[in-house]
């Protein structure tokens, strides 16, 4: 391989490495920002804590949804006649 071809290959590889490094830096910055948001909004310092918090919130949401559906059924049973009259 000639010196000129070697230099071109080196420059291309150097450019590829610099591009990859910039992308890695951007990804790290985005990750850092997301982790700060997780800590600020939800008090989670790690991804494991965030997953645990998510499961807890999902269980809570499921419970509240069930309570709401029960309340709607009770409401509809109690006010069924008035609801039908207003239609």
PDB file of N, CA and C in Angstrom:
ATOM      1  N   UNK A   1       0.858  -1.172   0.000  1.00  0.00           N
ATOM      2  CA  UNK A   1       0.000   0.000   0.000  1.00  0.00           C
ATOM      3  C   UNK A   1       0.902   1.232   0.000  1.00  0.00           C
ATOM      4  N   UNK A   2       0.589   2.203  -0.846  1.00  0.00           N
ATOM      5  CA  UNK A   2       1.423   3.400  -0.933  1.00  0.00           C
ATOM      6  C   UNK A   2       1.186   4.301   0.263  1.00  0.00           C
ATOM      7  N   UNK A   3       2.094   5.213   0.495  1.00  0.00           N
ATOM      8  CA  UNK A   3       1.970   6.154   1.614  1.00  0.00           C
ATOM      9  C   UNK A   3       0.718   7.003   1.478  1.00  0.00           C
ATOM     10  N   UNK A   4       0.391   7.369   0.234  1.00  0.00           N
ATOM     11  CA  UNK A   4      -0.794   8.200  -0.011  1.00  0.00           C
ATOM     12  C   UNK A   4      -2.067   7.425   0.333  1.00  0.00           C
ATOM     13  N   UNK A   5      -2.147   6.153  -0.062  1.00  0.00           N
ATOM     14  CA  UNK A   5      -3.311   5.318   0.225  1.00  0.00           C
ATOM     15  C   UNK A   5      -3.419   5.065   1.725  1.00  0.00           C
ATOM     16  N   UNK A   6      -2.276   4.854   2.376  1.00  0.00           N
ATOM     17  CA  UNK A   6      -2.265   4.636   3.821  1.00  0.00           C
ATOM     18  C   UNK A   6      -2.773   5.875   4.547  1.00  0.00           C
ATOM     19  N   UNK A   7      -2.325   7.040   4.105  1.00  0.00           N
ATOM     20  CA  UNK A   7      -2.752   8.303   4.709  1.00  0.00           C
ATOM     21  C   UNK A   7      -4.256   8.519   4.528  1.00  0.00           C
ATOM     22  N   UNK A   8      -4.773   8.226   3.339  1.00  0.00           N
ATOM     23  CA  UNK A   8      -6.207   8.370   3.085  1.00  0.00           C
ATOM     24  C   UNK A   8      -7.014   7.422   3.972  1.00  0.00           C
ATOM     25  N   UNK A   9      -6.527   6.186   4.092  1.00  0.00           N
ATOM     26  CA  UNK A   9      -7.216   5.214   4.927  1.00  0.00           C
ATOM     27  C   UNK A   9      -7.202   5.678   6.384  1.00  0.00           C
ATOM     28  N   UNK A  10      -6.046   6.170   6.830  1.00  0.00           N
ATOM     29  CA  UNK A  10      -5.928   6.682   8.197  1.00  0.00           C
ATOM     30  C   UNK A  10      -6.892   7.842   8.435  1.00  0.00           C
ATOM     31  N   UNK A  11      -6.958   8.776   7.497  1.00  0.00           N
ATOM     32  CA  UNK A  11      -7.831   9.949   7.644  1.00  0.00           C
ATOM     33  C   UNK A  11      -9.298   9.522   7.679  1.00  0.00           C
ATOM     34  N   UNK A  12      -9.665   8.544   6.847  1.00  0.00           N
ATOM     35  CA  UNK A  12     -11.043   8.052   6.835  1.00  0.00           C
ATOM     36  C   UNK A  12     -11.377   7.374   8.166  1.00  0.00           C
ATOM     37  N   UNK A  13     -10.474   6.547   8.654  1.00  0.00           N
ATOM     38  CA  UNK A  13     -10.689   5.881   9.934  1.00  0.00           C
ATOM     39  C   UNK A  13     -10.753   6.886  11.081  1.00  0.00           C
ATOM     40  N   UNK A  14      -9.892   7.888  11.031  1.00  0.00           N
ATOM     41  CA  UNK A  14      -9.894   8.936  12.063  1.00  0.00           C
ATOM     42  C   UNK A  14     -11.233   9.664  12.071  1.00  0.00           C
ATOM     43  N   UNK A  15     -11.729   9.988  10.886  1.00  0.00           N
ATOM     44  CA  UNK A  15     -13.028  10.661  10.778  1.00  0.00           C
ATOM     45  C   UNK A  15     -14.142   9.767  11.324  1.00  0.00           C
ATOM     46  N   UNK A  16     -14.117   8.476  11.002  1.00  0.00           N
ATOM     47  CA  UNK A  16     -15.123   7.537  11.498  1.00  0.00           C
ATOM     48  C   UNK A  16     -15.098   7.449  13.024  1.00  0.00           C
ATOM     49  N   UNK A  17     -13.896   7.406  13.584  1.00  0.00           N
ATOM     50  CA  UNK A  17     -13.751   7.341  15.035  1.00  0.00           C
ATOM     51  C   UNK A  17     -14.287   8.622  15.680  1.00  0.00           C
ATOM     52  N   UNK A  18     -13.977   9.771  15.110  1.00  0.00           N
ATOM     53  CA  UNK A  18     -14.454  11.049  15.657  1.00  0.00           C
ATOM     54  C   UNK A  18     -15.979  11.133  15.585  1.00  0.00           C
ATOM     55  N   UNK A  19     -16.556  10.656  14.495  1.00  0.00           N
ATOM     56  CA  UNK A  19     -18.020  10.643  14.348  1.00  0.00           C
ATOM     57  C   UNK A  19     -18.647   9.720  15.391  1.00  0.00           C
ATOM     58  N   UNK A  20     -18.067   8.556  15.566  1.00  0.00           N
ATOM     59  CA  UNK A  20     -18.578   7.613  16.558  1.00  0.00           C
ATOM     60  C   UNK A  20     -18.461   8.202  17.962  1.00  0.00           C
ATOM     61  N   UNK A  21     -17.372   8.901  18.243  1.00  0.00           N
ATOM     62  CA  UNK A  21     -17.185   9.508  19.557  1.00  0.00           C
ATOM     63  C   UNK A  21     -18.220  10.604  19.809  1.00  0.00           C
ATOM     64  N   UNK A  22     -18.506  11.410  18.788  1.00  0.00           N
ATOM     65  CA  UNK A  22     -19.529  12.459  18.933  1.00  0.00           C
ATOM     66  C   UNK A  22     -20.892  11.839  19.216  1.00  0.00           C
ATOM     67  N   UNK A  23     -21.212  10.777  18.505  1.00  0.00           N
ATOM     68  CA  UNK A  23     -22.496  10.101  18.725  1.00  0.00           C
ATOM     69  C   UNK A  23     -22.566   9.500  20.128  1.00  0.00           C
ATOM     70  N   UNK A  24     -21.477   8.924  20.565  1.00  0.00           N
ATOM     71  CA  UNK A  24     -21.439   8.351  21.915  1.00  0.00           C
ATOM     72  C   UNK A  24     -21.593   9.451  22.956  1.00  0.00           C
ATOM     73  N   UNK A  25     -20.943  10.583  22.738  1.00  0.00           N
ATOM     74  CA  UNK A  25     -21.062  11.716  23.666  1.00  0.00           C
ATOM     75  C   UNK A  25     -22.494  12.241  23.715  1.00  0.00           C
ATOM     76  N   UNK A  26     -23.140  12.318  22.549  1.00  0.00           N
ATOM     77  CA  UNK A  26     -24.532  12.771  22.506  1.00  0.00           C
ATOM     78  C   UNK A  26     -25.445  11.786  23.232  1.00  0.00           C
ATOM     79  N   UNK A  27     -25.227  10.517  23.016  1.00  0.00           N
ATOM     80  CA  UNK A  27     -26.041   9.493  23.681  1.00  0.00           C
ATOM     81  C   UNK A  27     -25.836   9.552  25.192  1.00  0.00           C
ATOM     82  N   UNK A  28     -24.598   9.740  25.625  1.00  0.00           N
ATOM     83  CA  UNK A  28     -24.320   9.839  27.060  1.00  0.00           C
ATOM     84  C   UNK A  28     -24.995  11.073  27.651  1.00  0.00           C
ATOM     85  N   UNK A  29     -24.959  12.182  26.925  1.00  0.00           N
ATOM     86  CA  UNK A  29     -25.624  13.404  27.391  1.00  0.00           C
ATOM     87  C   UNK A  29     -27.128  13.206  27.517  1.00  0.00           C
ATOM     88  N   UNK A  30     -27.721  12.537  26.546  1.00  0.00           N
ATOM     89  CA  UNK A  30     -29.162  12.264  26.594  1.00  0.00           C
ATOM     90  C   UNK A  30     -29.491  11.351  27.768  1.00  0.00           C
ATOM     91  N   UNK A  31     -28.674  10.334  27.980  1.00  0.00           N
ATOM     92  CA  UNK A  31     -28.877   9.416  29.101  1.00  0.00           C
ATOM     93  C   UNK A  31     -28.758  10.153  30.433  1.00  0.00           C
ATOM     94  N   UNK A  32     -27.744  10.999  30.548  1.00  0.00           N
ATOM     95  CA  UNK A  32     -27.561  11.780  31.778  1.00  0.00           C
ATOM     96  C   UNK A  32     -28.779  12.654  32.059  1.00  0.00           C
ATOM     97  N   UNK A  33     -29.302  13.282  31.015  1.00  0.00           N
ATOM     98  CA  UNK A  33     -30.474  14.145  31.169  1.00  0.00           C
ATOM     99  C   UNK A  33     -31.694  13.331  31.593  1.00  0.00           C
ATOM    100  N   UNK A  34     -31.885  12.179  30.990  1.00  0.00           N
ATOM    101  CA  UNK A  34     -33.016  11.317  31.361  1.00  0.00           C
ATOM    102  C   UNK A  34     -32.889  10.833  32.806  1.00  0.00           C
ATOM    103  N   UNK A  35     -31.688  10.496  33.223  1.00  0.00           N
ATOM    104  CA  UNK A  35     -31.486  10.043  34.600  1.00  0.00           C
ATOM    105  C   UNK A  35     -31.761  11.182  35.590  1.00  0.00           C
ATOM    106  N   UNK A  36     -31.377  12.421  35.234  1.00  0.00           N
ATOM    107  CA  UNK A  36     -31.687  13.573  36.088  1.00  0.00           C
ATOM    108  C   UNK A  36     -33.193  13.763  36.196  1.00  0.00           C
ATOM    109  N   UNK A  37     -33.893  13.597  35.089  1.00  0.00           N
ATOM    110  CA  UNK A  37     -35.355  13.725  35.087  1.00  0.00           C
ATOM    111  C   UNK A  37     -35.985  12.639  35.944  1.00  0.00           C
ATOM    112  N   UNK A  38     -35.503  11.402  35.816  1.00  0.00           N
ATOM    113  CA  UNK A  38     -36.019  10.309  36.648  1.00  0.00           C
ATOM    114  C   UNK A  38     -35.833  10.619  38.127  1.00  0.00           C
ATOM    115  N   UNK A  39     -34.666  11.144  38.467  1.00  0.00           N
ATOM    116  CA  UNK A  39     -34.399  11.439  39.876  1.00  0.00           C
ATOM    117  C   UNK A  39     -35.264  12.603  40.364  1.00  0.00           C
ATOM    118  N   UNK A  40     -35.363  13.637  39.558  1.00  0.00           N
ATOM    119  CA  UNK A  40     -36.128  14.830  39.948  1.00  0.00           C
ATOM    120  C   UNK A  40     -37.618  14.531  40.043  1.00  0.00           C
ATOM    121  N   UNK A  41     -38.176  13.877  39.037  1.00  0.00           N
ATOM    122  CA  UNK A  41     -39.629  13.674  38.967  1.00  0.00           C
ATOM    123  C   UNK A  41     -40.120  12.478  39.772  1.00  0.00           C
ATOM    124  N   UNK A  42     -39.277  11.439  39.903  1.00  0.00           N
ATOM    125  CA  UNK A  42     -39.748  10.211  40.527  1.00  0.00           C
ATOM    126  C   UNK A  42     -38.871   9.710  41.680  1.00  0.00           C
ATOM    127  N   UNK A  43     -37.781  10.422  41.961  1.00  0.00           N
ATOM    128  CA  UNK A  43     -36.905  10.026  43.062  1.00  0.00           C
ATOM    129  C   UNK A  43     -36.126   8.749  42.804  1.00  0.00           C
ATOM    130  N   UNK A  44     -35.901   8.420  41.543  1.00  0.00           N
ATOM    131  CA  UNK A  44     -35.179   7.193  41.183  1.00  0.00           C
ATOM    132  C   UNK A  44     -33.759   7.547  40.743  1.00  0.00           C
ATOM    133  N   UNK A  45     -32.791   6.912  41.398  1.00  0.00           N
ATOM    134  CA  UNK A  45     -31.399   7.170  41.043  1.00  0.00           C
ATOM    135  C   UNK A  45     -30.834   6.141  40.076  1.00  0.00           C
ATOM    136  N   UNK A  46     -31.516   5.009  39.932  1.00  0.00           N
ATOM    137  CA  UNK A  46     -31.044   3.964  39.017  1.00  0.00           C
ATOM    138  C   UNK A  46     -32.202   3.472  38.157  1.00  0.00           C
ATOM    139  N   UNK A  47     -31.841   2.795  37.098  1.00  0.00           N
ATOM    140  CA  UNK A  47     -32.859   2.216  36.224  1.00  0.00           C
ATOM    141  C   UNK A  47     -33.640   1.133  36.959  1.00  0.00           C
ATOM    142  N   UNK A  48     -32.977   0.376  37.825  1.00  0.00           N
ATOM    143  CA  UNK A  48     -33.648  -0.655  38.609  1.00  0.00           C
ATOM    144  C   UNK A  48     -34.724  -0.032  39.499  1.00  0.00           C
ATOM    145  N   UNK A  49     -34.390   1.097  40.148  1.00  0.00           N
ATOM    146  CA  UNK A  49     -35.382   1.792  40.983  1.00  0.00           C
ATOM    147  C   UNK A  49     -36.549   2.269  40.130  1.00  0.00           C
ATOM    148  N   UNK A  50     -36.261   2.757  38.935  1.00  0.00           N
ATOM    149  CA  UNK A  50     -37.315   3.250  38.043  1.00  0.00           C
ATOM    150  C   UNK A  50     -38.248   2.113  37.625  1.00  0.00           C
ATOM    151  N   UNK A  51     -37.686   0.935  37.343  1.00  0.00           N
ATOM    152  CA  UNK A  51     -38.522  -0.207  36.962  1.00  0.00           C
ATOM    153  C   UNK A  51     -39.415  -0.635  38.125  1.00  0.00           C
ATOM    154  N   UNK A  52     -38.859  -0.624  39.329  1.00  0.00           N
ATOM    155  CA  UNK A  52     -39.639  -0.973  40.516  1.00  0.00           C
ATOM    156  C   UNK A  52     -40.762   0.035  40.723  1.00  0.00           C
ATOM    157  N   UNK A  53     -40.444   1.311  40.574  1.00  0.00           N
ATOM    158  CA  UNK A  53     -41.438   2.383  40.719  1.00  0.00           C
ATOM    159  C   UNK A  53     -42.532   2.226  39.672  1.00  0.00           C
ATOM    160  N   UNK A  54     -42.148   1.901  38.437  1.00  0.00           N
ATOM    161  CA  UNK A  54     -43.124   1.721  37.361  1.00  0.00           C
ATOM    162  C   UNK A  54     -44.084   0.584  37.692  1.00  0.00           C
ATOM    163  N   UNK A  55     -43.568  -0.541  38.166  1.00  0.00           N
ATOM    164  CA  UNK A  55     -44.436  -1.665  38.535  1.00  0.00           C
ATOM    165  C   UNK A  55     -45.400  -1.256  39.644  1.00  0.00           C
ATOM    166  N   UNK A  56     -44.909  -0.514  40.602  1.00  0.00           N
ATOM    167  CA  UNK A  56     -45.756  -0.054  41.698  1.00  0.00           C
ATOM    168  C   UNK A  56     -46.854   0.871  41.187  1.00  0.00           C
ATOM    169  N   UNK A  57     -46.498   1.793  40.308  1.00  0.00           N
ATOM    170  CA  UNK A  57     -47.485   2.718  39.745  1.00  0.00           C
ATOM    171  C   UNK A  57     -48.505   1.979  38.881  1.00  0.00           C
ATOM    172  N   UNK A  58     -48.061   0.953  38.173  1.00  0.00           N
ATOM    173  CA  UNK A  58     -48.985   0.177  37.348  1.00  0.00           C
ATOM    174  C   UNK A  58     -49.988  -0.578  38.219  1.00  0.00           C
ATOM    175  N   UNK A  59     -49.517  -1.139  39.332  1.00  0.00           N
ATOM    176  CA  UNK A  59     -50.425  -1.830  40.255  1.00  0.00           C
ATOM    177  C   UNK A  59     -51.415  -0.844  40.859  1.00  0.00           C
ATOM    178  N   UNK A  60     -50.922   0.335  41.219  1.00  0.00           N
ATOM    179  CA  UNK A  60     -51.787   1.370  41.789  1.00  0.00           C
ATOM    180  C   UNK A  60     -52.834   1.813  40.767  1.00  0.00           C
ATOM    181  N   UNK A  61     -52.414   1.978  39.526  1.00  0.00           N
ATOM    182  CA  UNK A  61     -53.339   2.388  38.465  1.00  0.00           C
ATOM    183  C   UNK A  61     -54.408   1.329  38.243  1.00  0.00           C
ATOM    184  N   UNK A  62     -54.006   0.067  38.283  1.00  0.00           N
ATOM    185  CA  UNK A  62     -54.960  -1.030  38.104  1.00  0.00           C
ATOM    186  C   UNK A  62     -55.992  -1.037  39.233  1.00  0.00           C
ATOM    187  N   UNK A  63     -55.542  -0.810  40.450  1.00  0.00           N
ATOM    188  CA  UNK A  63     -56.441  -0.778  41.610  1.00  0.00           C
ATOM    189  C   UNK A  63     -57.427   0.383  41.485  1.00  0.00           C
ATOM    190  N   UNK A  64     -56.916   1.551  41.152  1.00  0.00           N
ATOM    191  CA  UNK A  64     -57.768   2.748  41.040  1.00  0.00           C
ATOM    192  C   UNK A  64     -58.760   2.584  39.888  1.00  0.00           C
ATOM    193  N   UNK A  65     -58.300   1.980  38.787  1.00  0.00           N
ATOM    194  CA  UNK A  65     -59.198   1.739  37.647  1.00  0.00           C
ATOM    195  C   UNK A  65     -60.353   0.834  38.076  1.00  0.00           C
ATOM    196  N   UNK A  66     -60.061  -0.213  38.828  1.00  0.00           N
ATOM    197  CA  UNK A  66     -61.103  -1.112  39.312  1.00  0.00           C
ATOM    198  C   UNK A  66     -62.078  -0.400  40.227  1.00  0.00           C
ATOM    199  N   UNK A  67     -61.553   0.425  41.128  1.00  0.00           N
ATOM    200  CA  UNK A  67     -62.420   1.186  42.025  1.00  0.00           C
ATOM    201  C   UNK A  67     -63.313   2.141  41.243  1.00  0.00           C
ATOM    202  N   UNK A  68     -62.752   2.767  40.206  1.00  0.00           N
ATOM    203  CA  UNK A  68     -63.530   3.688  39.382  1.00  0.00           C
ATOM    204  C   UNK A  68     -64.648   2.948  38.645  1.00  0.00           C
ATOM    205  N   UNK A  69     -64.313   1.812  38.073  1.00  0.00           N
ATOM    206  CA  UNK A  69     -65.318   1.033  37.339  1.00  0.00           C
ATOM    207  C   UNK A  69     -66.438   0.581  38.268  1.00  0.00           C
ATOM    208  N   UNK A  70     -66.087   0.200  39.483  1.00  0.00           N
ATOM    209  CA  UNK A  70     -67.104  -0.190  40.468  1.00  0.00           C
ATOM    210  C   UNK A  70     -67.986   1.007  40.807  1.00  0.00           C
ATOM    211  N   UNK A  71     -67.372   2.166  40.998  1.00  0.00           N
ATOM    212  CA  UNK A  71     -68.138   3.367  41.326  1.00  0.00           C
ATOM    213  C   UNK A  71     -69.079   3.745  40.183  1.00  0.00           C
ATOM    214  N   UNK A  72     -68.628   3.587  38.950  1.00  0.00           N
ATOM    215  CA  UNK A  72     -69.482   3.890  37.794  1.00  0.00           C
ATOM    216  C   UNK A  72     -70.666   2.929  37.760  1.00  0.00           C
ATOM    217  N   UNK A  73     -70.429   1.661  38.024  1.00  0.00           N
ATOM    218  CA  UNK A  73     -71.523   0.678  38.037  1.00  0.00           C
ATOM    219  C   UNK A  73     -72.551   1.018  39.115  1.00  0.00           C
ATOM    220  N   UNK A  74     -72.073   1.377  40.298  1.00  0.00           N
ATOM    221  CA  UNK A  74     -72.983   1.747  41.393  1.00  0.00           C
ATOM    222  C   UNK A  74     -73.780   2.988  41.006  1.00  0.00           C
ATOM    223  N   UNK A  75     -73.102   3.973  40.422  1.00  0.00           N
ATOM    224  CA  UNK A  75     -73.768   5.199  39.996  1.00  0.00           C
ATOM    225  C   UNK A  75     -74.847   4.891  38.963  1.00  0.00           C
ATOM    226  N   UNK A  76     -74.492   4.082  37.968  1.00  0.00           N
ATOM    227  CA  UNK A  76     -75.456   3.765  36.906  1.00  0.00           C
ATOM    228  C   UNK A  76     -76.644   2.989  37.458  1.00  0.00           C
ATOM    229  N   UNK A  77     -76.425   2.080  38.397  1.00  0.00           N
ATOM    230  CA  UNK A  77     -77.534   1.342  39.004  1.00  0.00           C
ATOM    231  C   UNK A  77     -78.442   2.284  39.789  1.00  0.00           C
ATOM    232  N   UNK A  78     -77.844   3.193  40.528  1.00  0.00           N
ATOM    233  CA  UNK A  78     -78.621   4.108  41.362  1.00  0.00           C
ATOM    234  C   UNK A  78     -79.415   5.111  40.528  1.00  0.00           C
ATOM    235  N   UNK A  79     -78.822   5.592  39.462  1.00  0.00           N
ATOM    236  CA  UNK A  79     -79.432   6.661  38.676  1.00  0.00           C
ATOM    237  C   UNK A  79     -79.914   6.194  37.307  1.00  0.00           C
ATOM    238  N   UNK A  80     -80.078   4.902  37.130  1.00  0.00           N
ATOM    239  CA  UNK A  80     -80.447   4.348  35.820  1.00  0.00           C
ATOM    240  C   UNK A  80     -81.725   4.970  35.255  1.00  0.00           C
ATOM    241  N   UNK A  81     -82.748   5.066  36.059  1.00  0.00           N
ATOM    242  CA  UNK A  81     -84.023   5.616  35.567  1.00  0.00           C
ATOM    243  C   UNK A  81     -83.864   7.071  35.138  1.00  0.00           C
ATOM    244  N   UNK A  82     -83.188   7.877  35.941  1.00  0.00           N
ATOM    245  CA  UNK A  82     -83.008   9.292  35.604  1.00  0.00           C
ATOM    246  C   UNK A  82     -82.141   9.451  34.358  1.00  0.00           C
ATOM    247  N   UNK A  83     -81.168   8.593  34.208  1.00  0.00           N
ATOM    248  CA  UNK A  83     -80.316   8.667  33.020  1.00  0.00           C
ATOM    249  C   UNK A  83     -81.110   8.321  31.761  1.00  0.00           C
ATOM    250  N   UNK A  84     -81.982   7.340  31.837  1.00  0.00           N
ATOM    251  CA  UNK A  84     -82.772   6.954  30.676  1.00  0.00           C
ATOM    252  C   UNK A  84     -83.799   8.015  30.334  1.00  0.00           C
ATOM    253  N   UNK A  85     -84.356   8.684  31.340  1.00  0.00           N
ATOM    254  CA  UNK A  85     -85.345   9.736  31.114  1.00  0.00           C
ATOM    255  C   UNK A  85     -84.723  10.934  30.423  1.00  0.00           C
ATOM    256  N   UNK A  86     -83.474  11.218  30.702  1.00  0.00           N
ATOM    257  CA  UNK A  86     -82.825  12.407  30.118  1.00  0.00           C
ATOM    258  C   UNK A  86     -82.383  12.192  28.680  1.00  0.00           C
ATOM    259  N   UNK A  87     -82.413  10.968  28.196  1.00  0.00           N
ATOM    260  CA  UNK A  87     -81.992  10.700  26.814  1.00  0.00           C
ATOM    261  C   UNK A  87     -83.024  11.042  25.829  1.00  0.00           C
TER     262      UNK A  87
END
